[in-house]
Protein backbone atom coordinates (compact mmCIF):
# COMPACT_ATOMS: atom_id res chain seq x y z
CA MET A 1 -19.86 123.58 -49.02
CA SER A 2 -20.23 125.43 -45.72
CA ARG A 3 -23.52 126.20 -44.83
CA PRO A 4 -25.05 127.54 -41.31
CA LEU A 5 -26.79 125.36 -38.96
CA ALA A 6 -29.55 127.08 -38.77
CA LYS A 7 -31.81 128.17 -41.70
CA HIS A 8 -30.89 131.57 -42.35
CA THR A 9 -32.97 134.45 -44.24
CA TYR A 10 -32.07 137.77 -45.59
CA ASN A 11 -33.29 140.26 -42.67
CA LEU A 12 -33.66 143.93 -43.46
CA THR A 13 -34.70 145.59 -40.07
CA MET A 14 -34.75 149.80 -39.55
CA THR A 15 -34.89 151.03 -36.06
CA GLN A 16 -34.66 154.70 -34.83
CA GLN A 17 -31.87 154.93 -32.67
CA GLU A 18 -30.36 158.29 -30.75
CA HIS A 19 -28.31 160.09 -32.92
CA THR A 20 -25.01 160.09 -31.45
CA PRO A 21 -21.48 160.37 -32.83
CA GLU A 22 -20.79 156.63 -31.32
CA ASN A 23 -23.33 155.20 -33.66
CA ILE A 24 -22.69 157.00 -36.76
CA ILE A 25 -20.48 156.01 -39.41
CA GLN A 26 -19.45 159.51 -41.20
CA PRO A 27 -19.29 159.77 -45.03
CA ALA A 28 -15.81 158.46 -46.72
CA GLY A 29 -15.61 162.55 -47.74
CA ILE A 30 -15.91 163.82 -44.77
CA ARG A 31 -13.42 161.29 -42.86
CA LEU A 32 -11.18 161.61 -45.48
CA TRP A 33 -11.34 165.72 -44.95
CA LYS A 34 -11.07 165.33 -41.37
CA SER A 35 -7.78 162.95 -41.51
CA ARG A 36 -6.11 164.38 -44.43
CA GLY A 37 -3.93 166.31 -42.55
CA GLU A 38 -2.96 164.35 -39.75
CA SER A 39 -2.41 161.06 -41.82
CA THR A 40 -0.27 163.22 -44.06
CA LEU A 41 1.91 164.19 -41.68
CA LYS A 42 2.03 160.57 -39.82
CA ASP A 43 2.78 158.61 -43.43
CA THR A 44 5.33 161.29 -44.49
CA LEU A 45 6.96 161.17 -41.30
CA SER A 46 7.71 157.59 -41.45
CA GLY A 47 7.33 154.48 -43.42
CA ARG A 48 5.77 152.03 -40.80
CA GLY A 49 2.01 152.83 -41.65
CA HIS A 50 2.61 152.55 -45.40
CA SER A 51 0.45 149.35 -46.77
CA HIS A 52 2.56 146.88 -48.57
CA ASP A 53 1.58 147.47 -52.20
CA PHE A 54 2.84 151.24 -51.51
CA MET A 55 6.18 150.20 -50.10
CA GLN A 56 6.64 148.41 -53.56
CA ALA A 57 5.66 151.24 -55.66
CA ARG A 58 7.73 153.85 -53.40
CA ALA A 59 10.78 151.35 -53.73
CA SER A 60 10.20 151.44 -57.65
CA PHE A 61 10.02 155.41 -57.71
CA LEU A 62 13.25 155.08 -55.26
CA ARG A 63 14.89 152.71 -57.69
CA ASN A 64 14.35 154.79 -61.14
CA ARG A 65 15.87 157.98 -59.57
CA VAL A 66 18.91 156.21 -57.99
CA VAL A 67 19.26 154.53 -61.52
CA ILE A 68 19.10 158.22 -63.43
CA ILE A 69 20.95 160.32 -60.70
CA GLY A 70 24.24 157.36 -60.39
CA ILE A 71 24.28 157.27 -64.15
CA ILE A 72 24.57 160.94 -64.38
CA PHE A 73 27.37 161.04 -61.45
CA LEU A 74 29.25 157.97 -63.60
CA VAL A 75 28.90 160.13 -66.54
CA LEU A 76 30.51 163.40 -65.01
CA SER A 77 33.05 161.63 -62.93
CA PRO A 78 36.03 161.36 -65.71
CA PHE A 79 35.29 165.19 -66.37
CA TRP A 80 35.66 165.57 -62.46
CA ALA A 81 38.98 163.32 -62.03
CA LEU A 82 40.64 166.30 -64.56
CA ILE A 83 39.44 168.84 -62.40
CA ASP A 84 41.07 166.87 -59.30
CA GLN A 85 44.36 166.62 -60.99
CA TRP A 86 44.34 170.56 -62.24
CA LEU A 87 43.06 171.89 -58.55
CA LEU A 88 44.95 169.54 -56.27
CA PRO A 89 48.36 169.19 -54.95
CA PRO A 90 50.17 166.04 -56.19
CA PRO A 91 50.14 163.84 -52.96
CA THR A 92 46.24 164.84 -52.81
CA SER A 93 45.42 164.16 -56.27
CA LYS A 94 46.89 160.74 -56.19
CA LEU A 95 44.82 159.87 -53.43
CA ALA A 96 42.08 161.51 -54.78
CA LEU A 97 42.27 159.57 -58.42
CA ALA A 98 42.17 156.43 -55.74
CA GLY A 99 38.92 157.71 -54.22
CA ARG A 100 37.53 158.80 -57.56
CA LEU A 101 37.78 155.08 -58.55
CA ALA A 102 36.09 153.52 -55.27
CA LEU A 103 33.50 155.94 -55.76
CA VAL A 104 32.95 154.77 -59.15
CA GLY A 105 33.05 151.58 -58.46
CA GLY A 106 30.55 152.20 -55.56
CA LEU A 107 28.27 154.22 -57.78
CA ILE A 108 27.96 151.23 -60.48
CA ALA A 109 27.40 148.43 -57.44
CA THR A 110 24.48 150.73 -56.34
CA VAL A 111 22.89 151.34 -59.99
CA GLY A 112 23.32 147.64 -60.16
CA ILE A 113 21.79 146.48 -56.97
CA ALA A 114 18.87 149.24 -57.60
CA TRP A 115 18.53 147.86 -61.09
CA ARG A 116 18.30 144.22 -60.01
CA PHE A 117 15.96 144.46 -57.05
CA ALA A 118 13.19 146.79 -57.85
CA HIS A 119 10.61 146.16 -55.44
CA TYR A 120 12.43 146.03 -52.11
CA ILE A 121 11.86 148.85 -50.38
CA THR A 122 14.71 148.28 -47.94
CA ILE A 123 17.19 147.56 -50.28
CA ALA A 124 16.13 150.88 -52.54
CA ARG A 125 16.43 153.01 -49.67
CA ALA A 126 19.95 151.67 -48.78
CA CYS A 127 20.63 152.46 -52.29
CA ALA A 128 19.12 155.96 -52.57
CA GLY A 129 21.22 156.58 -49.06
CA ALA A 130 24.43 155.43 -50.99
CA LEU A 131 23.90 157.52 -53.91
CA ILE A 132 24.29 160.59 -51.69
CA LEU A 133 26.80 159.24 -48.80
CA LEU A 134 29.02 157.98 -51.25
CA PRO A 135 29.99 161.24 -52.87
CA ALA A 136 29.71 162.82 -49.13
CA LEU A 137 32.45 160.30 -48.09
CA PHE A 138 34.96 161.19 -50.88
CA TYR A 139 34.61 164.99 -50.34
CA GLY A 140 35.54 164.21 -46.37
CA LEU A 141 38.56 162.21 -47.77
CA VAL A 142 39.84 164.88 -49.80
CA LEU A 143 39.86 167.15 -47.36
CA SER A 144 41.19 165.04 -44.80
CA THR A 145 44.15 164.66 -46.99
CA LEU A 146 44.74 168.42 -47.72
CA PRO A 147 47.28 170.52 -46.45
CA SER A 148 45.03 173.61 -44.41
CA THR A 149 46.31 176.01 -46.82
CA TRP A 150 44.49 174.44 -49.34
CA SER A 151 40.82 174.47 -47.71
CA GLY A 152 39.87 177.95 -49.02
CA ASN A 153 40.97 176.78 -52.59
CA LEU A 154 38.58 174.10 -53.28
CA ILE A 155 36.51 175.30 -56.10
CA GLY A 156 33.85 172.46 -57.07
CA TYR A 157 34.11 171.01 -53.70
CA SER A 158 33.02 173.67 -51.23
CA PHE A 159 29.63 173.35 -52.72
CA ILE A 160 29.36 169.48 -52.36
CA PRO A 161 27.45 169.34 -49.11
CA TYR A 162 25.08 171.80 -50.14
CA MET A 163 24.22 169.68 -53.26
CA LEU A 164 23.83 166.64 -51.37
CA VAL A 165 21.51 168.16 -49.14
CA VAL A 166 19.22 169.76 -51.75
CA MET A 167 19.34 166.18 -53.58
CA LEU A 168 17.13 164.76 -50.66
CA GLY A 169 14.86 166.70 -52.14
CA ILE A 170 14.72 164.36 -55.25
CA PHE A 171 14.11 161.40 -53.84
CA PRO A 172 10.49 160.29 -51.93
CA PHE A 173 11.88 160.00 -48.63
CA THR A 174 10.13 159.74 -45.41
CA LEU A 175 11.10 163.13 -43.02
CA ILE A 176 12.73 160.72 -40.69
CA GLU A 177 15.10 159.51 -43.45
CA SER A 178 15.58 162.85 -45.03
CA LEU A 179 16.70 164.53 -41.38
CA VAL A 180 19.05 161.67 -40.55
CA MET A 181 20.84 162.00 -43.98
CA GLY A 182 20.51 165.89 -43.83
CA LEU A 183 22.36 165.57 -40.33
CA LEU A 184 24.91 163.39 -41.68
CA LEU A 185 26.14 165.77 -44.10
CA ILE A 186 25.80 168.77 -41.67
CA GLY A 187 28.41 166.83 -39.90
CA ILE A 188 30.73 166.44 -42.40
CA GLU A 189 30.52 170.11 -43.35
CA ALA A 190 31.53 170.57 -39.85
CA TYR A 191 34.35 168.11 -39.77
CA ALA A 192 35.61 170.05 -42.97
CA LEU A 193 35.62 173.44 -41.32
CA HIS A 194 37.31 171.81 -38.24
CA LEU A 195 40.07 170.83 -40.74
CA GLY A 196 40.10 174.42 -42.05
CA GLY A 197 40.39 175.90 -38.30
CA ALA A 198 37.50 177.71 -39.17
CA TRP A 199 35.16 176.03 -36.78
CA GLN A 200 34.32 178.90 -34.19
CA THR A 201 34.24 181.44 -36.57
CA LEU A 202 31.26 183.78 -38.06
CA ALA A 203 31.42 182.24 -41.74
CA ALA A 204 31.40 178.84 -40.29
CA ILE A 205 28.50 179.56 -38.63
CA GLN A 206 26.58 180.96 -41.38
CA GLN A 207 27.64 177.71 -43.83
CA ILE A 208 26.15 175.58 -40.75
CA TRP A 209 22.87 177.77 -41.03
CA LEU A 210 22.96 177.79 -44.68
CA LEU A 211 22.92 174.10 -44.47
CA SER A 212 20.44 173.81 -42.19
CA ALA A 213 18.08 176.27 -43.71
CA LEU A 214 18.59 173.93 -47.12
CA LEU A 215 17.69 171.00 -45.07
CA PHE A 216 14.36 172.42 -43.68
CA ILE A 217 13.77 173.28 -47.49
CA THR A 218 14.21 169.78 -48.37
CA LEU A 219 12.40 168.26 -45.29
CA THR A 220 9.14 170.30 -46.73
CA THR A 221 9.50 169.36 -50.12
CA ASN A 222 9.79 165.71 -48.93
CA TYR A 223 6.54 166.44 -46.93
CA PHE A 224 4.59 167.58 -50.04
CA GLN A 225 6.02 165.08 -52.48
CA LEU A 226 5.53 161.91 -50.41
CA GLY A 227 2.16 163.18 -49.47
CA LEU A 228 1.16 163.82 -52.76
CA LEU A 229 2.53 160.77 -54.06
CA LEU A 230 0.10 158.62 -51.39
CA ARG A 231 -2.68 160.50 -52.22
CA LEU A 232 -2.28 159.94 -55.94
CA TYR A 233 -1.24 156.24 -55.63
CA ARG A 234 -4.58 156.07 -53.08
CA ALA A 235 -6.57 157.45 -55.39
CA ALA A 236 -5.16 155.07 -58.43
CA THR A 237 -5.44 151.84 -56.83
CA HIS A 238 -7.99 152.24 -53.91
CA ASP A 239 -11.74 152.37 -54.09
CA PRO A 240 -12.79 156.19 -52.61
CA LEU A 241 -15.94 154.90 -50.85
CA THR A 242 -14.32 151.72 -48.91
CA GLY A 243 -10.63 152.31 -48.85
CA LEU A 244 -10.22 148.68 -50.28
CA LEU A 245 -7.75 148.02 -53.70
CA ASN A 246 -9.59 148.41 -56.65
CA ARG A 247 -9.62 145.76 -59.28
CA GLY A 248 -6.73 146.69 -61.07
CA ALA A 249 -4.53 147.09 -58.15
CA LEU A 250 -5.89 143.69 -57.16
CA ILE A 251 -4.19 141.95 -60.03
CA GLU A 252 -0.78 143.71 -59.59
CA ASN A 253 -0.39 142.85 -55.88
CA VAL A 254 -1.15 139.38 -57.18
CA ASN A 255 1.50 139.44 -59.70
CA GLN A 256 3.77 141.25 -57.44
CA ALA A 257 3.49 138.27 -54.91
CA ARG A 258 4.58 135.89 -57.67
CA ALA A 259 7.15 138.08 -58.81
CA ALA A 260 8.69 138.04 -55.20
CA GLY A 261 8.59 133.92 -55.51
CA GLN A 262 5.48 133.47 -53.07
CA PRO A 263 3.46 132.36 -52.33
CA GLU A 264 2.61 128.94 -53.60
CA THR A 265 -0.75 128.36 -52.03
CA MET A 266 -3.26 130.77 -52.34
CA SER A 267 -7.44 130.79 -51.87
CA LEU A 268 -9.77 133.75 -53.62
CA LEU A 269 -12.96 134.45 -52.18
CA MET A 270 -15.62 136.39 -54.44
CA MET A 271 -18.34 137.91 -51.71
CA ASP A 272 -21.44 139.44 -52.96
CA LEU A 273 -23.96 141.35 -50.17
CA ASP A 274 -27.27 139.63 -50.31
CA HIS A 275 -30.12 141.89 -51.30
CA PHE A 276 -27.98 145.20 -51.74
CA LYS A 277 -30.53 146.64 -54.60
CA ARG A 278 -33.10 146.63 -51.92
CA VAL A 279 -31.22 148.64 -49.50
CA ASN A 280 -30.60 151.22 -51.92
CA ASP A 281 -33.96 151.22 -53.37
CA GLN A 282 -35.55 151.06 -49.64
CA TYR A 283 -33.34 153.27 -47.68
CA GLY A 284 -31.19 155.17 -50.37
CA HIS A 285 -27.92 155.20 -51.75
CA ALA A 286 -26.18 156.79 -48.66
CA ALA A 287 -27.29 153.72 -46.38
CA GLY A 288 -25.84 151.72 -48.92
CA ASP A 289 -22.62 153.23 -48.90
CA GLN A 290 -22.35 152.69 -45.11
CA VAL A 291 -23.49 149.32 -45.49
CA LEU A 292 -20.31 148.82 -47.85
CA ILE A 293 -18.06 150.95 -45.79
CA ARG A 294 -19.11 148.70 -42.64
CA PHE A 295 -18.71 145.40 -44.43
CA ALA A 296 -15.52 146.53 -45.87
CA GLN A 297 -14.34 147.08 -42.08
CA VAL A 298 -15.52 143.72 -41.21
CA LEU A 299 -13.75 141.98 -44.01
CA ARG A 300 -10.19 143.53 -43.32
CA ALA A 301 -10.66 142.90 -39.60
CA SER A 302 -11.17 139.06 -40.64
CA VAL A 303 -8.08 138.17 -42.64
CA ARG A 304 -4.32 138.80 -42.09
CA PRO A 305 -2.30 141.98 -43.03
CA GLN A 306 -0.78 140.31 -45.45
CA ASP A 307 -3.91 138.81 -47.31
CA ILE A 308 -5.23 141.10 -50.43
CA VAL A 309 -8.67 142.78 -49.87
CA ALA A 310 -10.39 144.13 -52.89
CA ARG A 311 -13.74 146.24 -53.93
CA TYR A 312 -14.05 143.64 -57.70
CA GLY A 313 -17.17 146.06 -58.12
CA GLY A 314 -20.43 147.35 -57.12
CA GLU A 315 -21.59 145.28 -53.92
CA GLU A 316 -18.80 142.72 -55.06
CA PHE A 317 -15.65 141.98 -52.90
CA THR A 318 -12.82 139.85 -53.21
CA THR A 319 -10.06 138.73 -50.97
CA ILE A 320 -6.80 136.94 -52.08
CA LEU A 321 -5.67 134.68 -48.79
CA ILE A 322 -2.21 133.85 -49.20
CA ASN A 323 -0.54 130.85 -47.95
CA THR A 324 -3.95 129.63 -47.50
CA SER A 325 -5.21 125.95 -48.79
CA LYS A 326 -8.88 125.70 -49.47
CA SER A 327 -9.92 123.94 -46.70
CA GLU A 328 -8.85 126.64 -44.50
CA ALA A 329 -10.15 129.45 -46.95
CA MET A 330 -13.50 127.66 -46.38
CA LYS A 331 -13.15 128.53 -42.59
CA VAL A 332 -12.04 132.03 -43.09
CA ALA A 333 -15.05 132.47 -45.34
CA GLU A 334 -17.54 131.09 -42.53
CA ASN A 335 -16.22 133.14 -40.39
CA ILE A 336 -16.46 136.75 -42.29
CA ARG A 337 -20.18 135.23 -43.19
CA GLN A 338 -20.63 135.00 -39.63
CA LYS A 339 -19.35 138.22 -38.65
CA VAL A 340 -21.26 140.09 -41.22
CA ALA A 341 -24.67 138.67 -40.09
CA SER A 342 -24.30 139.31 -36.55
CA THR A 343 -22.99 142.85 -37.25
CA PRO A 344 -25.42 145.54 -37.31
CA VAL A 345 -24.92 148.65 -39.66
CA LYS A 346 -25.63 151.76 -38.42
CA THR A 347 -26.19 154.65 -40.60
CA HIS A 348 -25.81 158.41 -40.35
CA ASP A 349 -29.77 158.88 -39.78
CA GLY A 350 -30.10 156.81 -36.69
CA GLN A 351 -31.28 153.79 -38.91
CA THR A 352 -29.72 149.92 -38.07
CA LEU A 353 -29.38 147.53 -41.32
CA GLN A 354 -28.88 143.87 -40.92
CA VAL A 355 -27.40 142.17 -43.97
CA THR A 356 -26.27 139.11 -45.12
CA VAL A 357 -22.97 138.14 -47.71
CA SER A 358 -22.83 134.78 -49.92
CA ILE A 359 -19.19 133.61 -50.62
CA GLY A 360 -17.77 131.67 -53.51
CA VAL A 361 -14.25 130.12 -52.53
CA ALA A 362 -11.47 128.65 -54.99
CA SER A 363 -7.88 128.07 -55.22
CA LEU A 364 -5.61 130.18 -57.47
CA TYR A 365 -2.98 127.80 -58.87
CA PRO A 366 0.68 129.12 -59.25
CA ASP A 367 0.68 129.75 -63.11
CA GLU A 368 -2.94 130.09 -63.04
CA PRO A 369 -4.47 133.76 -64.31
CA LEU A 370 -6.35 135.41 -61.69
CA ASP A 371 -9.37 136.11 -64.09
CA THR A 372 -9.50 132.25 -64.29
CA ALA A 373 -9.71 131.55 -60.65
CA ALA A 374 -12.35 134.66 -60.27
CA GLN A 375 -14.69 132.67 -62.41
CA ARG A 376 -14.69 129.46 -60.86
CA ALA A 377 -14.93 131.44 -57.66
CA ASP A 378 -18.06 133.85 -59.30
CA GLN A 379 -19.75 130.38 -59.85
CA ARG A 380 -19.55 129.14 -56.98
CA LEU A 381 -21.07 132.61 -55.64
CA TYR A 382 -23.75 132.03 -57.89
CA GLU A 383 -24.50 128.89 -56.71
CA ALA A 384 -24.62 130.47 -52.88
CA LYS A 385 -27.12 132.94 -54.45
CA LYS A 386 -29.29 130.30 -56.30
CA LEU A 387 -29.33 127.88 -53.01
CA ALA A 388 -30.45 129.77 -50.21
CA ARG A 389 -27.85 133.21 -49.81
CA ASN A 390 -26.42 133.73 -46.53
CA CYS A 391 -23.59 130.52 -47.28
CA VAL A 392 -20.17 129.70 -48.37
CA VAL A 393 -19.80 127.40 -51.74
CA GLY A 394 -16.66 126.10 -52.70
CA VAL A 395 -17.58 122.65 -54.40
């Protein structure tokens, strides 16, 4: 058990301060309304700001689409091979058949890899990109081996770049990912026009313009699709007030960490704000919300990015410390306790509240259900409450 050096008692004070924007924590709804447009553009532009749990979810969405579209391509490939033999001249048709077999092999490998690695965002993005680029490369192969007199008779081939650009909208790509692949497809079409000797014609400009317009529409689709996916995912997995994971998402994150083969050592902190009901009763639920928001900010800033932080329910919070022994977890818990005790909460009406937290610590063993470890940590939290509050118990 880790105890403060001096006796700590619960201290709840209220002081009237100047009502300035600097010392006000805005309600979650207002902050969400103000930042929704900016955060959506930022989050859909690239995946750098995505949380680890959402990256795993997006990887699963990408994987599912890769598997479905890949299987459709594989089913249609034999029929398309017959069309190759009918439309293309003999020298080109033989090479196209070899290219078609290579395309089928690439599609099988892409679908297999996507199915095998379901929660790896890098692999999922690579597989989705391969699903787009493999048909484009086959298209370029056919064009490069055709006589120029055949370039205008490619019924069933000339629409491929347009189809692939539109297909980008099926996947939850970021704007940068979709833009890069779209520009590659436009480059392949420009190469096809160059081979046909029509690069500087009005028809060529019209085709490039049409592809560019389709790419713009696709980017708009990606923006709304990924933005909607983010909002739905956050609504389903995050507490709307504090922005932390909810209980269901906490369990899912622990299961995903274990499925990935890591970590070997985990510790669980169960935290409860002392006398939180008194805050609601004396100062109102709005002030209580500010206390919860501020505590969540302190908690998130006190742990590492790879650690899992969640609101367990009410004024109770939990943190899973990845690759952390119990002795190290006790130090982290004591650091959180001290930060909370020394961090005043300034509400939107100028009040200052001083709160404390009690923490129970338990180890989470590799094959142990999360609920079992949570019960042990909760028992130690109860002991901390019974002992003196504003302390850490881990024995």
